[in-house]
Amino acid sequence: MGRDQNILDDLKRYERLCLELADDSTMPEERAGLLVMANNYPAEITDRKFNDKTLTEKTT
């Protein structure tokens, strides 16, 4: 569980970093790209939590 939590924490950190960089960006294309990247992290977190829950339910 510890390793999984570290991965989730890292994904949240990367999301915040992308949002901060997007706020500081002066180029629209760069800002859009960073926002897209930031929006992908919550989906990855949800997917990992769902897969972990599914695996846990199947093994019990």
PDB file of N, CA and C in Angstrom:
ATOM      1  N   MET A   1       0.826  -1.199   0.000  1.00  0.00           N
ATOM      2  CA  MET A   1       0.000   0.000   0.000  1.00  0.00           C
ATOM      3  C   MET A   1       0.867   1.260   0.000  1.00  0.00           C
ATOM      4  N   GLY A   2       2.014   1.212   0.648  1.00  0.00           N
ATOM      5  CA  GLY A   2       2.860   2.386   0.728  1.00  0.00           C
ATOM      6  C   GLY A   2       3.346   2.867  -0.621  1.00  0.00           C
ATOM      7  N   ARG A   3       3.736   1.918  -1.467  1.00  0.00           N
ATOM      8  CA  ARG A   3       4.222   2.287  -2.801  1.00  0.00           C
ATOM      9  C   ARG A   3       3.084   2.893  -3.623  1.00  0.00           C
ATOM     10  N   ASP A   4       1.895   2.299  -3.530  1.00  0.00           N
ATOM     11  CA  ASP A   4       0.742   2.832  -4.264  1.00  0.00           C
ATOM     12  C   ASP A   4       0.413   4.252  -3.816  1.00  0.00           C
ATOM     13  N   GLN A   5       0.484   4.497  -2.520  1.00  0.00           N
ATOM     14  CA  GLN A   5       0.188   5.833  -2.011  1.00  0.00           C
ATOM     15  C   GLN A   5       1.230   6.833  -2.495  1.00  0.00           C
ATOM     16  N   ASN A   6       2.485   6.408  -2.569  1.00  0.00           N
ATOM     17  CA  ASN A   6       3.532   7.290  -3.083  1.00  0.00           C
ATOM     18  C   ASN A   6       3.265   7.669  -4.533  1.00  0.00           C
ATOM     19  N   ILE A   7       2.806   6.711  -5.330  1.00  0.00           N
ATOM     20  CA  ILE A   7       2.496   6.982  -6.730  1.00  0.00           C
ATOM     21  C   ILE A   7       1.346   7.974  -6.828  1.00  0.00           C
ATOM     22  N   LEU A   8       0.301   7.771  -6.021  1.00  0.00           N
ATOM     23  CA  LEU A   8      -0.840   8.693  -6.031  1.00  0.00           C
ATOM     24  C   LEU A   8      -0.419  10.094  -5.597  1.00  0.00           C
ATOM     25  N   ASP A   9       0.426  10.168  -4.582  1.00  0.00           N
ATOM     26  CA  ASP A   9       0.921  11.469  -4.127  1.00  0.00           C
ATOM     27  C   ASP A   9       1.724  12.159  -5.227  1.00  0.00           C
ATOM     28  N   ASP A  10       2.553  11.385  -5.928  1.00  0.00           N
ATOM     29  CA  ASP A  10       3.337  11.947  -7.034  1.00  0.00           C
ATOM     30  C   ASP A  10       2.427  12.471  -8.141  1.00  0.00           C
ATOM     31  N   LEU A  11       1.384  11.729  -8.474  1.00  0.00           N
ATOM     32  CA  LEU A  11       0.463  12.175  -9.522  1.00  0.00           C
ATOM     33  C   LEU A  11      -0.227  13.476  -9.132  1.00  0.00           C
ATOM     34  N   LYS A  12      -0.610  13.591  -7.871  1.00  0.00           N
ATOM     35  CA  LYS A  12      -1.233  14.831  -7.397  1.00  0.00           C
ATOM     36  C   LYS A  12      -0.238  15.990  -7.457  1.00  0.00           C
ATOM     37  N   ARG A  13       1.007  15.700  -7.110  1.00  0.00           N
ATOM     38  CA  ARG A  13       2.055  16.722  -7.148  1.00  0.00           C
ATOM     39  C   ARG A  13       2.297  17.185  -8.588  1.00  0.00           C
ATOM     40  N   TYR A  14       2.337  16.248  -9.536  1.00  0.00           N
ATOM     41  CA  TYR A  14       2.540  16.593 -10.946  1.00  0.00           C
ATOM     42  C   TYR A  14       1.380  17.423 -11.485  1.00  0.00           C
ATOM     43  N   GLU A  15       0.173  17.086 -11.037  1.00  0.00           N
ATOM     44  CA  GLU A  15      -0.993  17.865 -11.460  1.00  0.00           C
ATOM     45  C   GLU A  15      -0.860  19.317 -10.999  1.00  0.00           C
ATOM     46  N   ARG A  16      -0.525  19.508  -9.729  1.00  0.00           N
ATOM     47  CA  ARG A  16      -0.350  20.869  -9.196  1.00  0.00           C
ATOM     48  C   ARG A  16       0.760  21.614  -9.930  1.00  0.00           C
ATOM     49  N   LEU A  17       1.853  20.911 -10.214  1.00  0.00           N
ATOM     50  CA  LEU A  17       2.968  21.526 -10.923  1.00  0.00           C
ATOM     51  C   LEU A  17       2.541  21.997 -12.312  1.00  0.00           C
ATOM     52  N   CYS A  18       1.820  21.159 -13.036  1.00  0.00           N
ATOM     53  CA  CYS A  18       1.343  21.542 -14.379  1.00  0.00           C
ATOM     54  C   CYS A  18       0.409  22.742 -14.303  1.00  0.00           C
ATOM     55  N   LEU A  19      -0.464  22.763 -13.302  1.00  0.00           N
ATOM     56  CA  LEU A  19      -1.381  23.900 -13.159  1.00  0.00           C
ATOM     57  C   LEU A  19      -0.618  25.187 -12.847  1.00  0.00           C
ATOM     58  N   GLU A  20       0.393  25.088 -11.993  1.00  0.00           N
ATOM     59  CA  GLU A  20       1.203  26.268 -11.667  1.00  0.00           C
ATOM     60  C   GLU A  20       1.963  26.760 -12.897  1.00  0.00           C
ATOM     61  N   LEU A  21       2.545  25.836 -13.639  1.00  0.00           N
ATOM     62  CA  LEU A  21       3.278  26.223 -14.843  1.00  0.00           C
ATOM     63  C   LEU A  21       2.338  26.823 -15.886  1.00  0.00           C
ATOM     64  N   ALA A  22       1.132  26.290 -15.985  1.00  0.00           N
ATOM     65  CA  ALA A  22       0.154  26.833 -16.936  1.00  0.00           C
ATOM     66  C   ALA A  22      -0.225  28.260 -16.556  1.00  0.00           C
ATOM     67  N   ASP A  23      -0.352  28.517 -15.267  1.00  0.00           N
ATOM     68  CA  ASP A  23      -0.662  29.882 -14.812  1.00  0.00           C
ATOM     69  C   ASP A  23       0.443  30.866 -15.176  1.00  0.00           C
ATOM     70  N   ASP A  24       1.675  30.407 -15.133  1.00  0.00           N
ATOM     71  CA  ASP A  24       2.821  31.276 -15.419  1.00  0.00           C
ATOM     72  C   ASP A  24       3.143  31.378 -16.909  1.00  0.00           C
ATOM     73  N   SER A  25       2.541  30.516 -17.707  1.00  0.00           N
ATOM     74  CA  SER A  25       2.854  30.462 -19.131  1.00  0.00           C
ATOM     75  C   SER A  25       2.327  31.695 -19.865  1.00  0.00           C
ATOM     76  N   THR A  26       3.121  32.178 -20.813  1.00  0.00           N
ATOM     77  CA  THR A  26       2.697  33.315 -21.625  1.00  0.00           C
ATOM     78  C   THR A  26       2.251  32.895 -23.019  1.00  0.00           C
ATOM     79  N   MET A  27       2.574  31.652 -23.386  1.00  0.00           N
ATOM     80  CA  MET A  27       2.205  31.162 -24.717  1.00  0.00           C
ATOM     81  C   MET A  27       0.933  30.311 -24.620  1.00  0.00           C
ATOM     82  N   PRO A  28      -0.092  30.625 -25.413  1.00  0.00           N
ATOM     83  CA  PRO A  28      -1.355  29.889 -25.326  1.00  0.00           C
ATOM     84  C   PRO A  28      -1.208  28.388 -25.576  1.00  0.00           C
ATOM     85  N   GLU A  29      -0.349  28.009 -26.528  1.00  0.00           N
ATOM     86  CA  GLU A  29      -0.181  26.590 -26.830  1.00  0.00           C
ATOM     87  C   GLU A  29       0.448  25.844 -25.655  1.00  0.00           C
ATOM     88  N   GLU A  30       1.416  26.486 -25.037  1.00  0.00           N
ATOM     89  CA  GLU A  30       2.064  25.873 -23.882  1.00  0.00           C
ATOM     90  C   GLU A  30       1.067  25.742 -22.735  1.00  0.00           C
ATOM     91  N   ARG A  31       0.311  26.786 -22.487  1.00  0.00           N
ATOM     92  CA  ARG A  31      -0.697  26.774 -21.425  1.00  0.00           C
ATOM     93  C   ARG A  31      -1.712  25.655 -21.679  1.00  0.00           C
ATOM     94  N   ALA A  32      -2.183  25.544 -22.916  1.00  0.00           N
ATOM     95  CA  ALA A  32      -3.169  24.510 -23.245  1.00  0.00           C
ATOM     96  C   ALA A  32      -2.591  23.113 -23.029  1.00  0.00           C
ATOM     97  N   GLY A  33      -1.353  22.911 -23.456  1.00  0.00           N
ATOM     98  CA  GLY A  33      -0.717  21.615 -23.271  1.00  0.00           C
ATOM     99  C   GLY A  33      -0.558  21.240 -21.807  1.00  0.00           C
ATOM    100  N   LEU A  34      -0.157  22.213 -21.006  1.00  0.00           N
ATOM    101  CA  LEU A  34       0.012  21.953 -19.574  1.00  0.00           C
ATOM    102  C   LEU A  34      -1.332  21.674 -18.904  1.00  0.00           C
ATOM    103  N   LEU A  35      -2.383  22.357 -19.327  1.00  0.00           N
ATOM    104  CA  LEU A  35      -3.707  22.100 -18.761  1.00  0.00           C
ATOM    105  C   LEU A  35      -4.218  20.717 -19.144  1.00  0.00           C
ATOM    106  N   VAL A  36      -3.937  20.304 -20.362  1.00  0.00           N
ATOM    107  CA  VAL A  36      -4.316  18.952 -20.785  1.00  0.00           C
ATOM    108  C   VAL A  36      -3.577  17.923 -19.931  1.00  0.00           C
ATOM    109  N   MET A  37      -2.289  18.143 -19.752  1.00  0.00           N
ATOM    110  CA  MET A  37      -1.512  17.218 -18.918  1.00  0.00           C
ATOM    111  C   MET A  37      -2.066  17.185 -17.497  1.00  0.00           C
ATOM    112  N   ALA A  38      -2.361  18.362 -16.943  1.00  0.00           N
ATOM    113  CA  ALA A  38      -2.887  18.439 -15.578  1.00  0.00           C
ATOM    114  C   ALA A  38      -4.220  17.711 -15.468  1.00  0.00           C
ATOM    115  N   ASN A  39      -5.040  17.787 -16.504  1.00  0.00           N
ATOM    116  CA  ASN A  39      -6.342  17.106 -16.472  1.00  0.00           C
ATOM    117  C   ASN A  39      -6.218  15.601 -16.599  1.00  0.00           C
ATOM    118  N   ASN A  40      -5.115  15.118 -17.116  1.00  0.00           N
ATOM    119  CA  ASN A  40      -4.922  13.675 -17.238  1.00  0.00           C
ATOM    120  C   ASN A  40      -4.560  13.011 -15.908  1.00  0.00           C
ATOM    121  N   TYR A  41      -3.952  13.755 -15.005  1.00  0.00           N
ATOM    122  CA  TYR A  41      -3.524  13.159 -13.739  1.00  0.00           C
ATOM    123  C   TYR A  41      -4.693  12.686 -12.875  1.00  0.00           C
ATOM    124  N   PRO A  42      -5.778  13.470 -12.701  1.00  0.00           N
ATOM    125  CA  PRO A  42      -6.905  12.943 -11.916  1.00  0.00           C
ATOM    126  C   PRO A  42      -7.512  11.674 -12.521  1.00  0.00           C
ATOM    127  N   ALA A  43      -7.545  11.605 -13.848  1.00  0.00           N
ATOM    128  CA  ALA A  43      -8.063  10.394 -14.492  1.00  0.00           C
ATOM    129  C   ALA A  43      -7.171   9.200 -14.181  1.00  0.00           C
ATOM    130  N   GLU A  44      -5.876   9.413 -14.191  1.00  0.00           N
ATOM    131  CA  GLU A  44      -4.936   8.333 -13.870  1.00  0.00           C
ATOM    132  C   GLU A  44      -5.102   7.896 -12.413  1.00  0.00           C
ATOM    133  N   ILE A  45      -5.288   8.857 -11.524  1.00  0.00           N
ATOM    134  CA  ILE A  45      -5.491   8.531 -10.106  1.00  0.00           C
ATOM    135  C   ILE A  45      -6.758   7.699  -9.939  1.00  0.00           C
ATOM    136  N   THR A  46      -7.837   8.128 -10.575  1.00  0.00           N
ATOM    137  CA  THR A  46      -9.105   7.393 -10.489  1.00  0.00           C
ATOM    138  C   THR A  46      -8.950   5.990 -11.051  1.00  0.00           C
ATOM    139  N   ASP A  47      -8.273   5.882 -12.167  1.00  0.00           N
ATOM    140  CA  ASP A  47      -8.065   4.572 -12.791  1.00  0.00           C
ATOM    141  C   ASP A  47      -7.261   3.655 -11.880  1.00  0.00           C
ATOM    142  N   ARG A  48      -6.224   4.178 -11.280  1.00  0.00           N
ATOM    143  CA  ARG A  48      -5.397   3.350 -10.384  1.00  0.00           C
ATOM    144  C   ARG A  48      -6.194   2.919  -9.156  1.00  0.00           C
ATOM    145  N   LYS A  49      -6.987   3.826  -8.588  1.00  0.00           N
ATOM    146  CA  LYS A  49      -7.793   3.465  -7.419  1.00  0.00           C
ATOM    147  C   LYS A  49      -8.834   2.415  -7.791  1.00  0.00           C
ATOM    148  N   PHE A  50      -9.473   2.569  -8.944  1.00  0.00           N
ATOM    149  CA  PHE A  50     -10.482   1.607  -9.386  1.00  0.00           C
ATOM    150  C   PHE A  50      -9.849   0.241  -9.620  1.00  0.00           C
ATOM    151  N   ASN A  51      -8.718   0.213 -10.301  1.00  0.00           N
ATOM    152  CA  ASN A  51      -8.047  -1.059 -10.569  1.00  0.00           C
ATOM    153  C   ASN A  51      -7.589  -1.727  -9.287  1.00  0.00           C
ATOM    154  N   ASP A  52      -7.100  -0.939  -8.328  1.00  0.00           N
ATOM    155  CA  ASP A  52      -6.662  -1.487  -7.055  1.00  0.00           C
ATOM    156  C   ASP A  52      -7.854  -2.074  -6.313  1.00  0.00           C
ATOM    157  N   LYS A  53      -8.970  -1.363  -6.326  1.00  0.00           N
ATOM    158  CA  LYS A  53     -10.173  -1.844  -5.645  1.00  0.00           C
ATOM    159  C   LYS A  53     -10.687  -3.117  -6.313  1.00  0.00           C
ATOM    160  N   THR A  54     -10.673  -3.157  -7.624  1.00  0.00           N
ATOM    161  CA  THR A  54     -11.124  -4.336  -8.358  1.00  0.00           C
ATOM    162  C   THR A  54     -10.253  -5.540  -8.050  1.00  0.00           C
ATOM    163  N   LEU A  55      -8.932  -5.330  -8.023  1.00  0.00           N
ATOM    164  CA  LEU A  55      -8.025  -6.439  -7.718  1.00  0.00           C
ATOM    165  C   LEU A  55      -8.217  -6.934  -6.300  1.00  0.00           C
ATOM    166  N   THR A  56      -8.434  -6.017  -5.358  1.00  0.00           N
ATOM    167  CA  THR A  56      -8.651  -6.385  -3.967  1.00  0.00           C
ATOM    168  C   THR A  56      -9.928  -7.204  -3.816  1.00  0.00           C
ATOM    169  N   GLU A  57     -10.997  -6.783  -4.502  1.00  0.00           N
ATOM    170  CA  GLU A  57     -12.269  -7.491  -4.415  1.00  0.00           C
ATOM    171  C   GLU A  57     -12.173  -8.884  -5.023  1.00  0.00           C
ATOM    172  N   LYS A  58     -11.421  -9.049  -6.096  1.00  0.00           N
ATOM    173  CA  LYS A  58     -11.307 -10.353  -6.744  1.00  0.00           C
ATOM    174  C   LYS A  58     -10.490 -11.328  -5.922  1.00  0.00           C
ATOM    175  N   THR A  59      -9.542 -10.851  -5.148  1.00  0.00           N
ATOM    176  CA  THR A  59      -8.683 -11.743  -4.384  1.00  0.00           C
ATOM    177  C   THR A  59      -9.270 -12.123  -3.042  1.00  0.00           C
ATOM    178  N   THR A  60     -10.317 -11.427  -2.600  1.00  0.00           N
ATOM    179  CA  THR A  60     -10.895 -11.761  -1.288  1.00  0.00           C
ATOM    180  C   THR A  60     -12.110 -12.631  -1.434  1.00  0.00           C
TER     181      THR A  60
END
